[in-house]
C-alpha atoms as a PDB file:
ATOM      1  CA  UNK A   1     118.776  95.444 113.142  1.00  0.00           C
ATOM      2  CA  UNK A   2     117.369  92.754 115.428  1.00  0.00           C
ATOM      3  CA  UNK A   3     113.968  94.479 115.649  1.00  0.00           C
ATOM      4  CA  UNK A   4     113.854  94.902 111.876  1.00  0.00           C
ATOM      5  CA  UNK A   5     114.545  91.188 111.358  1.00  0.00           C
ATOM      6  CA  UNK A   6     111.772  90.316 113.844  1.00  0.00           C
ATOM      7  CA  UNK A   7     109.375  92.608 111.977  1.00  0.00           C
ATOM      8  CA  UNK A   8     110.302  91.007 108.642  1.00  0.00           C
ATOM      9  CA  UNK A   9     109.660  87.532 110.097  1.00  0.00           C
ATOM     10  CA  UNK A  10     106.343  88.687 111.509  1.00  0.00           C
ATOM     11  CA  UNK A  11     105.193  90.086 108.177  1.00  0.00           C
ATOM     12  CA  UNK A  12     106.360  87.069 106.181  1.00  0.00           C
ATOM     13  CA  UNK A  13     104.756  84.646 108.622  1.00  0.00           C
ATOM     14  CA  UNK A  14     101.583  86.663 109.262  1.00  0.00           C
ATOM     15  CA  UNK A  15      99.224  84.772 106.905  1.00  0.00           C
ATOM     16  CA  UNK A  16     100.318  81.499 108.498  1.00  0.00           C
ATOM     17  CA  UNK A  17      99.789  82.918 111.991  1.00  0.00           C
ATOM     18  CA  UNK A  18      96.348  84.231 111.023  1.00  0.00           C
ATOM     19  CA  UNK A  19      95.389  80.859 109.524  1.00  0.00           C
ATOM     20  CA  UNK A  20      96.553  79.024 112.662  1.00  0.00           C
ATOM     21  CA  UNK A  21      94.608  81.391 114.930  1.00  0.00           C
ATOM     22  CA  UNK A  22      91.480  81.087 112.758  1.00  0.00           C
ATOM     23  CA  UNK A  23      91.752  77.294 112.800  1.00  0.00           C
ATOM     24  CA  UNK A  24      92.029  77.250 116.592  1.00  0.00           C
ATOM     25  CA  UNK A  25      89.186  79.758 116.995  1.00  0.00           C
ATOM     26  CA  UNK A  26      86.855  77.578 114.916  1.00  0.00           C
ATOM     27  CA  UNK A  27      87.362  74.498 117.129  1.00  0.00           C
ATOM     28  CA  UNK A  28      84.196  73.545 119.046  1.00  0.00           C
ATOM     29  CA  UNK A  29      85.716  74.402 122.438  1.00  0.00           C
ATOM     30  CA  UNK A  30      86.669  77.929 121.276  1.00  0.00           C
ATOM     31  CA  UNK A  31      83.861  78.824 118.880  1.00  0.00           C
ATOM     32  CA  UNK A  32      81.515  80.225 121.537  1.00  0.00           C
ATOM     33  CA  UNK A  33      84.024  82.970 122.439  1.00  0.00           C
ATOM     34  CA  UNK A  34      84.587  83.858 118.782  1.00  0.00           C
ATOM     35  CA  UNK A  35      81.068  83.769 117.349  1.00  0.00           C
ATOM     36  CA  UNK A  36      79.866  87.352 117.449  1.00  0.00           C
ATOM     37  CA  UNK A  37      76.388  87.873 116.073  1.00  0.00           C
ATOM     38  CA  UNK A  38      76.392  84.545 114.246  1.00  0.00           C
ATOM     39  CA  UNK A  39      79.514  85.317 112.202  1.00  0.00           C
ATOM     40  CA  UNK A  40      80.841  81.773 112.424  1.00  0.00           C
ATOM     41  CA  UNK A  41      78.081  79.383 113.403  1.00  0.00           C
ATOM     42  CA  UNK A  42      74.921  78.854 111.381  1.00  0.00           C
ATOM     43  CA  UNK A  43      72.989  77.428 114.319  1.00  0.00           C
ATOM     44  CA  UNK A  44      74.042  77.805 117.978  1.00  0.00           C
ATOM     45  CA  UNK A  45      72.669  74.322 118.715  1.00  0.00           C
ATOM     46  CA  UNK A  46      74.999  72.839 116.116  1.00  0.00           C
ATOM     47  CA  UNK A  47      78.456  74.441 116.415  1.00  0.00           C
ATOM     48  CA  UNK A  48      79.770  72.067 113.732  1.00  0.00           C
ATOM     49  CA  UNK A  49      77.716  73.927 111.091  1.00  0.00           C
ATOM     50  CA  UNK A  50      80.254  76.636 110.279  1.00  0.00           C
ATOM     51  CA  UNK A  51      78.747  79.562 108.384  1.00  0.00           C
ATOM     52  CA  UNK A  52      80.408  80.142 105.044  1.00  0.00           C
ATOM     53  CA  UNK A  53      78.566  83.051 103.447  1.00  0.00           C
ATOM     54  CA  UNK A  54      79.831  85.767 105.815  1.00  0.00           C
ATOM     55  CA  UNK A  55      83.508  84.880 106.011  1.00  0.00           C
ATOM     56  CA  UNK A  56      85.105  84.244 102.635  1.00  0.00           C
ATOM     57  CA  UNK A  57      88.201  82.077 102.122  1.00  0.00           C
ATOM     58  CA  UNK A  58      91.268  83.529 100.434  1.00  0.00           C
ATOM     59  CA  UNK A  59      93.722  81.613  98.267  1.00  0.00           C
ATOM     60  CA  UNK A  60      96.027  81.144 101.279  1.00  0.00           C
ATOM     61  CA  UNK A  61      93.171  79.587 103.285  1.00  0.00           C
ATOM     62  CA  UNK A  62      92.599  82.494 105.651  1.00  0.00           C
ATOM     63  CA  UNK A  63      89.093  83.845 106.140  1.00  0.00           C
ATOM     64  CA  UNK A  64      88.138  87.430 105.433  1.00  0.00           C
ATOM     65  CA  UNK A  65      85.108  89.699 105.640  1.00  0.00           C
ATOM     66  CA  UNK A  66      84.704  92.137 102.757  1.00  0.00           C
ATOM     67  CA  UNK A  67      88.353  91.686 101.810  1.00  0.00           C
ATOM     68  CA  UNK A  68      89.684  92.278 105.338  1.00  0.00           C
ATOM     69  CA  UNK A  69      91.424  89.517 107.299  1.00  0.00           C
ATOM     70  CA  UNK A  70      89.432  88.303 110.300  1.00  0.00           C
ATOM     71  CA  UNK A  71      91.625  88.295 113.409  1.00  0.00           C
ATOM     72  CA  UNK A  72      90.146  86.021 116.066  1.00  0.00           C
ATOM     73  CA  UNK A  73      90.517  86.467 119.811  1.00  0.00           C
ATOM     74  CA  UNK A  74      92.557  83.292 119.939  1.00  0.00           C
ATOM     75  CA  UNK A  75      96.245  83.996 120.446  1.00  0.00           C
ATOM     76  CA  UNK A  76      97.769  87.450 120.609  1.00  0.00           C
ATOM     77  CA  UNK A  77      97.687  88.463 116.951  1.00  0.00           C
ATOM     78  CA  UNK A  78      95.506  91.499 117.569  1.00  0.00           C
ATOM     79  CA  UNK A  79      97.909  92.845 120.171  1.00  0.00           C
ATOM     80  CA  UNK A  80     100.974  92.146 118.038  1.00  0.00           C
ATOM     81  CA  UNK A  81      99.459  93.870 115.012  1.00  0.00           C
ATOM     82  CA  UNK A  82      98.283  96.863 117.067  1.00  0.00           C
ATOM     83  CA  UNK A  83     101.740  97.106 118.629  1.00  0.00           C
ATOM     84  CA  UNK A  84     103.474  97.092 115.255  1.00  0.00           C
ATOM     85  CA  UNK A  85     100.960  99.532 113.772  1.00  0.00           C
ATOM     86  CA  UNK A  86     101.427 101.971 116.628  1.00  0.00           C
ATOM     87  CA  UNK A  87     105.054 101.624 117.698  1.00  0.00           C
ATOM     88  CA  UNK A  88     106.822 100.823 114.464  1.00  0.00           C
ATOM     89  CA  UNK A  89     109.326 103.465 113.418  1.00  0.00           C
ATOM     90  CA  UNK A  90     107.473 103.547 110.080  1.00  0.00           C
ATOM     91  CA  UNK A  91     104.117 104.508 111.613  1.00  0.00           C
ATOM     92  CA  UNK A  92     105.255 107.516 113.678  1.00  0.00           C
ATOM     93  CA  UNK A  93     102.883 106.763 116.606  1.00  0.00           C
ATOM     94  CA  UNK A  94      99.489 107.483 115.030  1.00  0.00           C
ATOM     95  CA  UNK A  95      96.519 108.403 117.196  1.00  0.00           C
ATOM     96  CA  UNK A  96      93.680 105.931 117.577  1.00  0.00           C
ATOM     97  CA  UNK A  97      91.575 107.377 114.727  1.00  0.00           C
ATOM     98  CA  UNK A  98      94.426 107.293 112.206  1.00  0.00           C
ATOM     99  CA  UNK A  99      95.531 103.872 113.392  1.00  0.00           C
ATOM    100  CA  UNK A 100      91.975 102.539 113.045  1.00  0.00           C
ATOM    101  CA  UNK A 101      91.617 104.028 109.541  1.00  0.00           C
ATOM    102  CA  UNK A 102      94.876 102.362 108.478  1.00  0.00           C
ATOM    103  CA  UNK A 103      94.152  99.000 110.096  1.00  0.00           C
ATOM    104  CA  UNK A 104      90.532  98.695 108.965  1.00  0.00           C
ATOM    105  CA  UNK A 105      91.721  98.473 105.366  1.00  0.00           C
ATOM    106  CA  UNK A 106      93.431  95.175 106.151  1.00  0.00           C
ATOM    107  CA  UNK A 107      91.868  93.623 109.259  1.00  0.00           C
ATOM    108  CA  UNK A 108      88.511  93.057 110.938  1.00  0.00           C
ATOM    109  CA  UNK A 109      87.397  91.905 114.367  1.00  0.00           C
ATOM    110  CA  UNK A 110      84.405  92.767 116.544  1.00  0.00           C
ATOM    111  CA  UNK A 111      84.851  96.025 118.502  1.00  0.00           C
ATOM    112  CA  UNK A 112      88.061  96.762 116.633  1.00  0.00           C
ATOM    113  CA  UNK A 113      87.770 100.550 116.948  1.00  0.00           C
ATOM    114  CA  UNK A 114      87.253 100.361 120.721  1.00  0.00           C
ATOM    115  CA  UNK A 115      90.176  97.940 121.125  1.00  0.00           C
ATOM    116  CA  UNK A 116      92.473 100.265 119.190  1.00  0.00           C
ATOM    117  CA  UNK A 117      91.346 103.312 121.211  1.00  0.00           C
ATOM    118  CA  UNK A 118      92.009 101.404 124.442  1.00  0.00           C
ATOM    119  CA  UNK A 119      95.412 100.285 123.197  1.00  0.00           C
ATOM    120  CA  UNK A 120      96.489 103.769 122.147  1.00  0.00           C
END
């Protein structure tokens, strides 16, 4: 019962956690670690010029790429989501390929497939 309640809180609070992580990741001191292939910054010499055409805002304020939520390195959201996707009693311990296929419908981050394979 306790684990189920924690999972419900995680799911209900997930957009807020994603927004907080994205906000922190876009701060000047963190942007260099997050900007993969110019995803976030228009010009490396001007980190204040945040790129808008690649990441699209949703109604809740979170940023997404092609309809998938961007999960930044900042914080431990990636690990938490991989943990829940793999170890939840509802997922039945999928292998890395199945887990990636399921997760890629909702989330995006650089090297996602490799991270999931390493995790599994």
